[in-house]
Amino acid sequence: MIEALIAALEEIGVDHRVDGPRSVVVSLPGQRKLNIACGLVVEDHALRVEAFVARRPEEHHEAVWADLLRRNGKLYAVAFATDESEDIHLVGRLPLGAITAEELDRVLGQVLEAADDTFNVILELGFKSSIEDEWRWRLARGESTKNLEAFEHLRPRDE
């Protein structure tokens, strides 16, 4: 089955590397989350899909979880979940028959869209104080704020 998975990934032209005898890691290029690593693992009866999205929110956990749960109902083949550390992932399982270029393209597209669309929302809800602190630190030292542009509305106005 791993051979079929690799062949399908090569057919759709995504960047990937073999990560073990039954697993492949695909690199998906996002706009907000610049690289989304998506693991595909061939299990005995299914293809497991896993992608790390963000670490455990520092604050407003309930708001983050509520937003992700609302989004879950609109997703195809994957859902937001947390691990033991409460880090946020997209996870799913597909039947082995779904290892086709067309279906993998659809599922990987969903992983990319879901991770990329929610990334800044997760950061703003779950790490707002840290983002505001980062703005203050960079402004005080004259450091570049280019990677904070998406959070311009959190820039301290007293600086």
N, C-alpha and C. Protein backbone atom coordinates (compact mmCIF):
# COMPACT_ATOMS: atom_id res chain seq x y z
N MET A 1 0.80 -1.21 0.00
CA MET A 1 0.00 0.00 0.00
C MET A 1 0.85 1.28 0.00
N ILE A 2 2.02 1.23 0.63
CA ILE A 2 2.87 2.42 0.66
C ILE A 2 3.28 2.82 -0.76
N GLU A 3 3.47 1.84 -1.62
CA GLU A 3 3.84 2.13 -3.01
C GLU A 3 2.71 2.88 -3.71
N ALA A 4 1.47 2.48 -3.45
CA ALA A 4 0.31 3.16 -4.04
C ALA A 4 0.21 4.59 -3.51
N LEU A 5 0.49 4.76 -2.23
CA LEU A 5 0.45 6.09 -1.63
C LEU A 5 1.50 7.00 -2.27
N ILE A 6 2.71 6.52 -2.40
CA ILE A 6 3.79 7.31 -3.00
C ILE A 6 3.47 7.64 -4.46
N ALA A 7 2.96 6.67 -5.19
CA ALA A 7 2.60 6.91 -6.60
C ALA A 7 1.51 7.96 -6.72
N ALA A 8 0.51 7.92 -5.84
CA ALA A 8 -0.57 8.91 -5.88
C ALA A 8 -0.04 10.30 -5.53
N LEU A 9 0.84 10.38 -4.56
CA LEU A 9 1.42 11.68 -4.19
C LEU A 9 2.27 12.24 -5.32
N GLU A 10 3.01 11.39 -5.99
CA GLU A 10 3.81 11.84 -7.12
C GLU A 10 2.92 12.29 -8.27
N GLU A 11 1.80 11.62 -8.45
CA GLU A 11 0.87 12.01 -9.51
C GLU A 11 0.30 13.41 -9.29
N ILE A 12 0.00 13.73 -8.04
CA ILE A 12 -0.56 15.08 -7.78
C ILE A 12 0.54 16.12 -7.56
N GLY A 13 1.79 15.67 -7.48
CA GLY A 13 2.91 16.62 -7.45
C GLY A 13 3.13 17.34 -6.15
N VAL A 14 2.83 16.72 -5.03
CA VAL A 14 3.09 17.38 -3.74
C VAL A 14 4.46 16.99 -3.22
N ASP A 15 5.06 17.91 -2.49
CA ASP A 15 6.36 17.68 -1.88
C ASP A 15 6.18 16.67 -0.74
N HIS A 16 6.92 15.57 -0.79
CA HIS A 16 6.78 14.55 0.24
C HIS A 16 8.10 13.81 0.44
N ARG A 17 8.19 13.14 1.59
CA ARG A 17 9.34 12.29 1.87
C ARG A 17 8.85 11.05 2.63
N VAL A 18 9.45 9.93 2.32
CA VAL A 18 9.14 8.70 3.04
C VAL A 18 9.73 8.83 4.43
N ASP A 19 8.92 8.51 5.45
CA ASP A 19 9.31 8.71 6.83
C ASP A 19 9.41 7.39 7.59
N GLY A 20 9.18 6.30 6.92
CA GLY A 20 9.23 4.98 7.54
C GLY A 20 8.64 3.97 6.57
N PRO A 21 8.61 2.71 6.97
CA PRO A 21 8.11 1.68 6.05
C PRO A 21 6.64 1.82 5.69
N ARG A 22 5.89 2.55 6.53
CA ARG A 22 4.46 2.71 6.27
C ARG A 22 4.00 4.17 6.34
N SER A 23 4.93 5.10 6.31
CA SER A 23 4.53 6.50 6.48
C SER A 23 5.26 7.45 5.54
N VAL A 24 4.55 8.52 5.22
CA VAL A 24 5.05 9.58 4.35
C VAL A 24 4.67 10.90 5.00
N VAL A 25 5.55 11.88 4.89
CA VAL A 25 5.24 13.23 5.36
C VAL A 25 5.15 14.13 4.14
N VAL A 26 4.03 14.84 4.04
CA VAL A 26 3.77 15.76 2.93
C VAL A 26 3.94 17.18 3.46
N SER A 27 4.61 18.05 2.70
CA SER A 27 4.75 19.46 3.06
C SER A 27 3.77 20.27 2.24
N LEU A 28 2.87 20.95 2.92
CA LEU A 28 1.86 21.77 2.26
C LEU A 28 2.17 23.24 2.50
N PRO A 29 2.29 24.04 1.45
CA PRO A 29 2.66 25.45 1.60
C PRO A 29 1.44 26.33 1.88
N GLY A 30 1.38 26.90 3.07
CA GLY A 30 0.27 27.77 3.43
C GLY A 30 0.61 29.23 3.25
N GLN A 31 -0.37 30.08 3.48
CA GLN A 31 -0.18 31.52 3.43
C GLN A 31 0.04 32.09 4.84
N ARG A 32 -0.76 31.63 5.79
CA ARG A 32 -0.64 32.10 7.18
C ARG A 32 0.29 31.18 7.97
N LYS A 33 0.03 29.91 7.92
CA LYS A 33 0.93 28.89 8.49
C LYS A 33 1.78 28.44 7.31
N LEU A 34 3.01 28.88 7.27
CA LEU A 34 3.80 28.78 6.05
C LEU A 34 4.09 27.35 5.60
N ASN A 35 4.22 26.42 6.52
CA ASN A 35 4.44 25.03 6.13
C ASN A 35 3.59 24.14 7.03
N ILE A 36 2.79 23.32 6.42
CA ILE A 36 1.97 22.37 7.15
C ILE A 36 2.49 20.98 6.82
N ALA A 37 3.07 20.32 7.82
CA ALA A 37 3.55 18.96 7.65
C ALA A 37 2.40 18.00 7.94
N CYS A 38 2.08 17.18 6.97
CA CYS A 38 0.96 16.25 7.11
C CYS A 38 1.48 14.82 6.99
N GLY A 39 1.31 14.07 8.06
CA GLY A 39 1.73 12.69 8.07
C GLY A 39 0.63 11.78 7.53
N LEU A 40 1.01 10.87 6.66
CA LEU A 40 0.11 9.86 6.13
C LEU A 40 0.68 8.50 6.51
N VAL A 41 -0.08 7.73 7.27
CA VAL A 41 0.40 6.45 7.77
C VAL A 41 -0.53 5.35 7.31
N VAL A 42 0.05 4.37 6.61
CA VAL A 42 -0.73 3.22 6.16
C VAL A 42 -0.84 2.25 7.33
N GLU A 43 -2.06 2.11 7.85
CA GLU A 43 -2.32 1.15 8.92
C GLU A 43 -2.90 -0.12 8.32
N ASP A 44 -3.22 -1.09 9.15
CA ASP A 44 -3.74 -2.37 8.64
C ASP A 44 -5.04 -2.20 7.85
N HIS A 45 -5.91 -1.30 8.30
CA HIS A 45 -7.22 -1.18 7.67
C HIS A 45 -7.57 0.24 7.23
N ALA A 46 -6.65 1.17 7.39
CA ALA A 46 -6.97 2.57 7.07
C ALA A 46 -5.71 3.37 6.81
N LEU A 47 -5.91 4.52 6.20
CA LEU A 47 -4.84 5.50 6.03
C LEU A 47 -5.08 6.58 7.08
N ARG A 48 -4.13 6.76 7.99
CA ARG A 48 -4.25 7.78 9.02
C ARG A 48 -3.65 9.09 8.50
N VAL A 49 -4.35 10.17 8.73
CA VAL A 49 -3.92 11.51 8.32
C VAL A 49 -3.74 12.34 9.59
N GLU A 50 -2.58 12.97 9.74
CA GLU A 50 -2.31 13.78 10.93
C GLU A 50 -1.49 15.01 10.54
N ALA A 51 -1.92 16.17 11.02
CA ALA A 51 -1.17 17.40 10.77
C ALA A 51 -1.19 18.27 12.02
N PHE A 52 -0.03 18.66 12.48
CA PHE A 52 0.07 19.59 13.61
C PHE A 52 -0.36 20.97 13.13
N VAL A 53 -1.20 21.64 13.92
CA VAL A 53 -1.68 22.98 13.55
C VAL A 53 -1.08 24.04 14.46
N ALA A 54 -1.19 23.86 15.77
CA ALA A 54 -0.68 24.87 16.71
C ALA A 54 -0.48 24.23 18.08
N ARG A 55 0.38 24.86 18.86
CA ARG A 55 0.56 24.34 20.22
C ARG A 55 -0.60 24.76 21.11
N ARG A 56 -0.59 24.23 22.30
CA ARG A 56 -1.66 24.48 23.27
C ARG A 56 -1.82 25.98 23.49
N PRO A 57 -3.05 26.49 23.39
CA PRO A 57 -3.27 27.92 23.63
C PRO A 57 -2.86 28.30 25.06
N GLU A 58 -2.29 29.49 25.19
CA GLU A 58 -1.88 29.99 26.50
C GLU A 58 -3.05 30.59 27.27
N GLU A 59 -4.06 31.03 26.54
CA GLU A 59 -5.20 31.71 27.17
C GLU A 59 -6.46 31.46 26.33
N HIS A 60 -7.60 31.73 26.92
CA HIS A 60 -8.89 31.63 26.24
C HIS A 60 -9.11 30.26 25.57
N HIS A 61 -8.75 29.20 26.31
CA HIS A 61 -8.86 27.85 25.78
C HIS A 61 -10.27 27.55 25.27
N GLU A 62 -11.26 27.91 26.06
CA GLU A 62 -12.64 27.60 25.69
C GLU A 62 -13.04 28.24 24.38
N ALA A 63 -12.60 29.46 24.15
CA ALA A 63 -12.92 30.16 22.90
C ALA A 63 -12.25 29.47 21.71
N VAL A 64 -11.02 29.02 21.91
CA VAL A 64 -10.31 28.31 20.83
C VAL A 64 -11.02 27.01 20.54
N TRP A 65 -11.30 26.21 21.59
CA TRP A 65 -11.96 24.91 21.38
C TRP A 65 -13.32 25.10 20.72
N ALA A 66 -14.09 26.09 21.16
CA ALA A 66 -15.42 26.33 20.58
C ALA A 66 -15.31 26.68 19.10
N ASP A 67 -14.35 27.50 18.74
CA ASP A 67 -14.17 27.86 17.33
C ASP A 67 -13.82 26.62 16.50
N LEU A 68 -12.93 25.80 17.00
CA LEU A 68 -12.52 24.60 16.26
C LEU A 68 -13.67 23.60 16.15
N LEU A 69 -14.45 23.44 17.20
CA LEU A 69 -15.60 22.53 17.13
C LEU A 69 -16.62 23.00 16.10
N ARG A 70 -16.84 24.31 16.02
CA ARG A 70 -17.77 24.84 15.00
C ARG A 70 -17.24 24.54 13.60
N ARG A 71 -15.95 24.63 13.41
CA ARG A 71 -15.35 24.37 12.11
C ARG A 71 -15.40 22.88 11.74
N ASN A 72 -15.34 22.00 12.73
CA ASN A 72 -15.31 20.57 12.46
C ASN A 72 -16.48 20.11 11.60
N GLY A 73 -17.64 20.66 11.81
CA GLY A 73 -18.82 20.24 11.05
C GLY A 73 -18.75 20.57 9.57
N LYS A 74 -17.82 21.40 9.17
CA LYS A 74 -17.71 21.81 7.77
C LYS A 74 -16.53 21.14 7.06
N LEU A 75 -15.77 20.32 7.78
CA LEU A 75 -14.57 19.74 7.21
C LEU A 75 -14.85 18.40 6.52
N TYR A 76 -14.02 18.10 5.55
CA TYR A 76 -14.10 16.84 4.83
C TYR A 76 -12.96 15.93 5.27
N ALA A 77 -13.28 14.75 5.76
CA ALA A 77 -12.34 13.66 6.04
C ALA A 77 -11.41 13.88 7.24
N VAL A 78 -11.31 15.08 7.76
CA VAL A 78 -10.45 15.35 8.91
C VAL A 78 -11.23 16.18 9.92
N ALA A 79 -10.72 16.23 11.14
CA ALA A 79 -11.34 17.04 12.19
C ALA A 79 -10.24 17.57 13.10
N PHE A 80 -10.53 18.69 13.75
CA PHE A 80 -9.61 19.22 14.74
C PHE A 80 -9.68 18.35 15.99
N ALA A 81 -8.53 18.12 16.60
CA ALA A 81 -8.43 17.34 17.83
C ALA A 81 -7.24 17.85 18.62
N THR A 82 -7.18 17.45 19.88
CA THR A 82 -6.03 17.79 20.70
C THR A 82 -5.34 16.51 21.16
N ASP A 83 -4.06 16.63 21.44
CA ASP A 83 -3.32 15.49 21.98
C ASP A 83 -3.24 15.63 23.50
N GLU A 84 -2.43 14.79 24.13
CA GLU A 84 -2.31 14.79 25.59
C GLU A 84 -1.82 16.13 26.13
N SER A 85 -1.06 16.85 25.33
CA SER A 85 -0.54 18.17 25.74
C SER A 85 -1.48 19.31 25.38
N GLU A 86 -2.61 18.98 24.78
CA GLU A 86 -3.60 19.94 24.29
C GLU A 86 -3.10 20.76 23.11
N ASP A 87 -2.07 20.25 22.41
CA ASP A 87 -1.67 20.84 21.15
C ASP A 87 -2.76 20.50 20.12
N ILE A 88 -2.91 21.34 19.12
CA ILE A 88 -4.01 21.21 18.16
C ILE A 88 -3.52 20.54 16.88
N HIS A 89 -4.27 19.55 16.43
CA HIS A 89 -3.95 18.78 15.23
C HIS A 89 -5.20 18.65 14.37
N LEU A 90 -4.99 18.32 13.11
CA LEU A 90 -6.06 17.83 12.24
C LEU A 90 -5.81 16.34 12.10
N VAL A 91 -6.83 15.53 12.29
CA VAL A 91 -6.69 14.08 12.22
C VAL A 91 -7.84 13.49 11.40
N GLY A 92 -7.56 12.34 10.81
CA GLY A 92 -8.60 11.63 10.08
C GLY A 92 -8.14 10.23 9.72
N ARG A 93 -9.08 9.41 9.33
CA ARG A 93 -8.78 8.06 8.84
C ARG A 93 -9.61 7.84 7.60
N LEU A 94 -8.95 7.26 6.60
CA LEU A 94 -9.61 6.98 5.32
C LEU A 94 -9.47 5.50 5.03
N PRO A 95 -10.43 4.93 4.33
CA PRO A 95 -10.26 3.53 3.92
C PRO A 95 -9.07 3.42 2.97
N LEU A 96 -8.42 2.27 2.99
CA LEU A 96 -7.25 2.08 2.13
C LEU A 96 -7.61 2.28 0.66
N GLY A 97 -8.85 2.03 0.28
CA GLY A 97 -9.28 2.25 -1.09
C GLY A 97 -9.28 3.71 -1.50
N ALA A 98 -9.16 4.59 -0.51
CA ALA A 98 -9.12 6.04 -0.80
C ALA A 98 -7.72 6.50 -1.20
N ILE A 99 -6.78 5.59 -1.27
CA ILE A 99 -5.42 5.97 -1.67
C ILE A 99 -5.39 6.09 -3.20
N THR A 100 -5.94 7.19 -3.66
CA THR A 100 -5.91 7.54 -5.08
C THR A 100 -5.46 8.99 -5.18
N ALA A 101 -4.95 9.36 -6.32
CA ALA A 101 -4.50 10.74 -6.50
C ALA A 101 -5.65 11.72 -6.27
N GLU A 102 -6.80 11.42 -6.82
CA GLU A 102 -7.95 12.34 -6.69
C GLU A 102 -8.36 12.52 -5.23
N GLU A 103 -8.48 11.42 -4.49
CA GLU A 103 -8.92 11.52 -3.09
C GLU A 103 -7.85 12.14 -2.21
N LEU A 104 -6.59 11.81 -2.41
CA LEU A 104 -5.53 12.43 -1.62
C LEU A 104 -5.43 13.92 -1.90
N ASP A 105 -5.62 14.32 -3.14
CA ASP A 105 -5.63 15.74 -3.48
C ASP A 105 -6.74 16.46 -2.72
N ARG A 106 -7.90 15.85 -2.66
CA ARG A 106 -9.05 16.44 -1.95
C ARG A 106 -8.76 16.54 -0.45
N VAL A 107 -8.25 15.47 0.14
CA VAL A 107 -7.99 15.45 1.58
C VAL A 107 -6.85 16.39 1.95
N LEU A 108 -5.77 16.37 1.19
CA LEU A 108 -4.66 17.27 1.48
C LEU A 108 -5.05 18.73 1.28
N GLY A 109 -5.90 18.98 0.30
CA GLY A 109 -6.43 20.33 0.11
C GLY A 109 -7.24 20.77 1.31
N GLN A 110 -8.01 19.86 1.89
CA GLN A 110 -8.79 20.18 3.08
C GLN A 110 -7.88 20.44 4.27
N VAL A 111 -6.83 19.64 4.43
CA VAL A 111 -5.88 19.86 5.52
C VAL A 111 -5.23 21.24 5.37
N LEU A 112 -4.78 21.56 4.17
CA LEU A 112 -4.15 22.85 3.92
C LEU A 112 -5.11 24.00 4.22
N GLU A 113 -6.31 23.92 3.68
CA GLU A 113 -7.28 24.99 3.88
C GLU A 113 -7.64 25.15 5.36
N ALA A 114 -7.92 24.04 6.04
CA ALA A 114 -8.34 24.12 7.44
C ALA A 114 -7.21 24.65 8.33
N ALA A 115 -6.01 24.14 8.16
CA ALA A 115 -4.88 24.60 8.99
C ALA A 115 -4.56 26.06 8.71
N ASP A 116 -4.54 26.42 7.45
CA ASP A 116 -4.16 27.78 7.07
C ASP A 116 -5.23 28.79 7.47
N ASP A 117 -6.50 28.45 7.26
CA ASP A 117 -7.59 29.38 7.58
C ASP A 117 -7.74 29.62 9.08
N THR A 118 -7.40 28.64 9.90
CA THR A 118 -7.60 28.79 11.34
C THR A 118 -6.37 29.28 12.09
N PHE A 119 -5.22 29.24 11.45
CA PHE A 119 -3.97 29.50 12.16
C PHE A 119 -3.97 30.86 12.86
N ASN A 120 -4.25 31.93 12.17
CA ASN A 120 -4.23 33.26 12.79
C ASN A 120 -5.33 33.42 13.83
N VAL A 121 -6.47 32.76 13.61
CA VAL A 121 -7.56 32.81 14.59
C VAL A 121 -7.09 32.15 15.89
N ILE A 122 -6.47 30.99 15.78
CA ILE A 122 -5.94 30.30 16.96
C ILE A 122 -4.92 31.19 17.67
N LEU A 123 -4.01 31.78 16.90
CA LEU A 123 -2.99 32.64 17.51
C LEU A 123 -3.62 33.83 18.21
N GLU A 124 -4.57 34.47 17.56
CA GLU A 124 -5.17 35.66 18.16
C GLU A 124 -5.97 35.33 19.41
N LEU A 125 -6.74 34.26 19.36
CA LEU A 125 -7.53 33.88 20.54
C LEU A 125 -6.65 33.31 21.65
N GLY A 126 -5.74 32.44 21.29
CA GLY A 126 -5.00 31.68 22.29
C GLY A 126 -3.67 32.27 22.72
N PHE A 127 -3.19 33.28 22.00
CA PHE A 127 -1.87 33.83 22.30
C PHE A 127 -1.85 35.36 22.21
N LYS A 128 -3.00 35.98 22.41
CA LYS A 128 -3.12 37.42 22.25
C LYS A 128 -2.13 38.19 23.13
N SER A 129 -2.03 37.84 24.38
CA SER A 129 -1.12 38.56 25.29
C SER A 129 0.33 38.42 24.83
N SER A 130 0.71 37.24 24.37
CA SER A 130 2.08 37.03 23.88
C SER A 130 2.35 37.84 22.61
N ILE A 131 1.36 37.94 21.75
CA ILE A 131 1.52 38.74 20.53
C ILE A 131 1.68 40.21 20.88
N GLU A 132 0.88 40.69 21.83
CA GLU A 132 1.00 42.08 22.27
C GLU A 132 2.37 42.33 22.92
N ASP A 133 2.84 41.37 23.72
CA ASP A 133 4.18 41.49 24.33
C ASP A 133 5.26 41.51 23.26
N GLU A 134 5.10 40.67 22.23
CA GLU A 134 6.08 40.62 21.14
C GLU A 134 6.13 41.95 20.40
N TRP A 135 4.96 42.55 20.16
CA TRP A 135 4.92 43.87 19.54
C TRP A 135 5.74 44.87 20.39
N ARG A 136 5.45 44.90 21.68
CA ARG A 136 6.16 45.85 22.56
C ARG A 136 7.66 45.63 22.52
N TRP A 137 8.08 44.37 22.63
CA TRP A 137 9.51 44.04 22.65
C TRP A 137 10.19 44.48 21.36
N ARG A 138 9.58 44.16 20.24
CA ARG A 138 10.20 44.51 18.95
C ARG A 138 10.22 46.02 18.71
N LEU A 139 9.14 46.68 19.04
CA LEU A 139 9.11 48.14 18.86
C LEU A 139 10.13 48.83 19.76
N ALA A 140 10.26 48.38 21.00
CA ALA A 140 11.19 48.99 21.94
C ALA A 140 12.64 48.82 21.48
N ARG A 141 12.93 47.76 20.77
CA ARG A 141 14.30 47.48 20.34
C ARG A 141 14.54 47.81 18.87
N GLY A 142 13.53 48.31 18.20
CA GLY A 142 13.68 48.64 16.79
C GLY A 142 13.80 47.41 15.90
N GLU A 143 13.29 46.28 16.36
CA GLU A 143 13.34 45.03 15.59
C GLU A 143 12.27 45.02 14.51
N SER A 144 12.45 44.20 13.52
CA SER A 144 11.46 44.04 12.45
C SER A 144 10.15 43.51 13.01
N THR A 145 9.06 44.05 12.50
CA THR A 145 7.73 43.56 12.88
C THR A 145 7.01 42.94 11.68
N LYS A 146 7.77 42.61 10.64
CA LYS A 146 7.18 42.09 9.42
C LYS A 146 6.29 40.87 9.66
N ASN A 147 6.76 39.91 10.46
CA ASN A 147 5.95 38.72 10.66
C ASN A 147 4.79 38.94 11.65
N LEU A 148 4.64 40.15 12.13
CA LEU A 148 3.49 40.49 12.98
C LEU A 148 2.41 41.27 12.20
N GLU A 149 2.63 41.49 10.91
CA GLU A 149 1.71 42.30 10.12
C GLU A 149 0.27 41.82 10.19
N ALA A 150 0.04 40.52 10.26
CA ALA A 150 -1.32 39.99 10.33
C ALA A 150 -2.01 40.41 11.63
N PHE A 151 -1.21 40.84 12.60
CA PHE A 151 -1.75 41.23 13.91
C PHE A 151 -1.53 42.71 14.18
N GLU A 152 -1.54 43.50 13.13
CA GLU A 152 -1.37 44.96 13.25
C GLU A 152 -2.40 45.54 14.22
N HIS A 153 -3.60 44.99 14.21
CA HIS A 153 -4.66 45.49 15.11
C HIS A 153 -4.36 45.22 16.58
N LEU A 154 -3.36 44.39 16.89
CA LEU A 154 -2.95 44.14 18.28
C LEU A 154 -1.73 44.97 18.66
N ARG A 155 -1.24 45.78 17.72
CA ARG A 155 -0.07 46.63 18.00
C ARG A 155 -0.45 47.63 19.11
N PRO A 156 0.40 47.74 20.11
CA PRO A 156 0.12 48.70 21.18
C PRO A 156 0.11 50.12 20.63
N ARG A 157 -0.86 50.89 21.00
CA ARG A 157 -1.01 52.25 20.48
C ARG A 157 -0.24 53.25 21.35
N ASP A 158 0.24 52.79 22.50
CA ASP A 158 0.99 53.69 23.39
C ASP A 158 2.49 53.67 23.10
N GLU A 159 2.89 52.93 22.09
CA GLU A 159 4.32 52.81 21.76
C GLU A 159 4.71 53.83 20.71
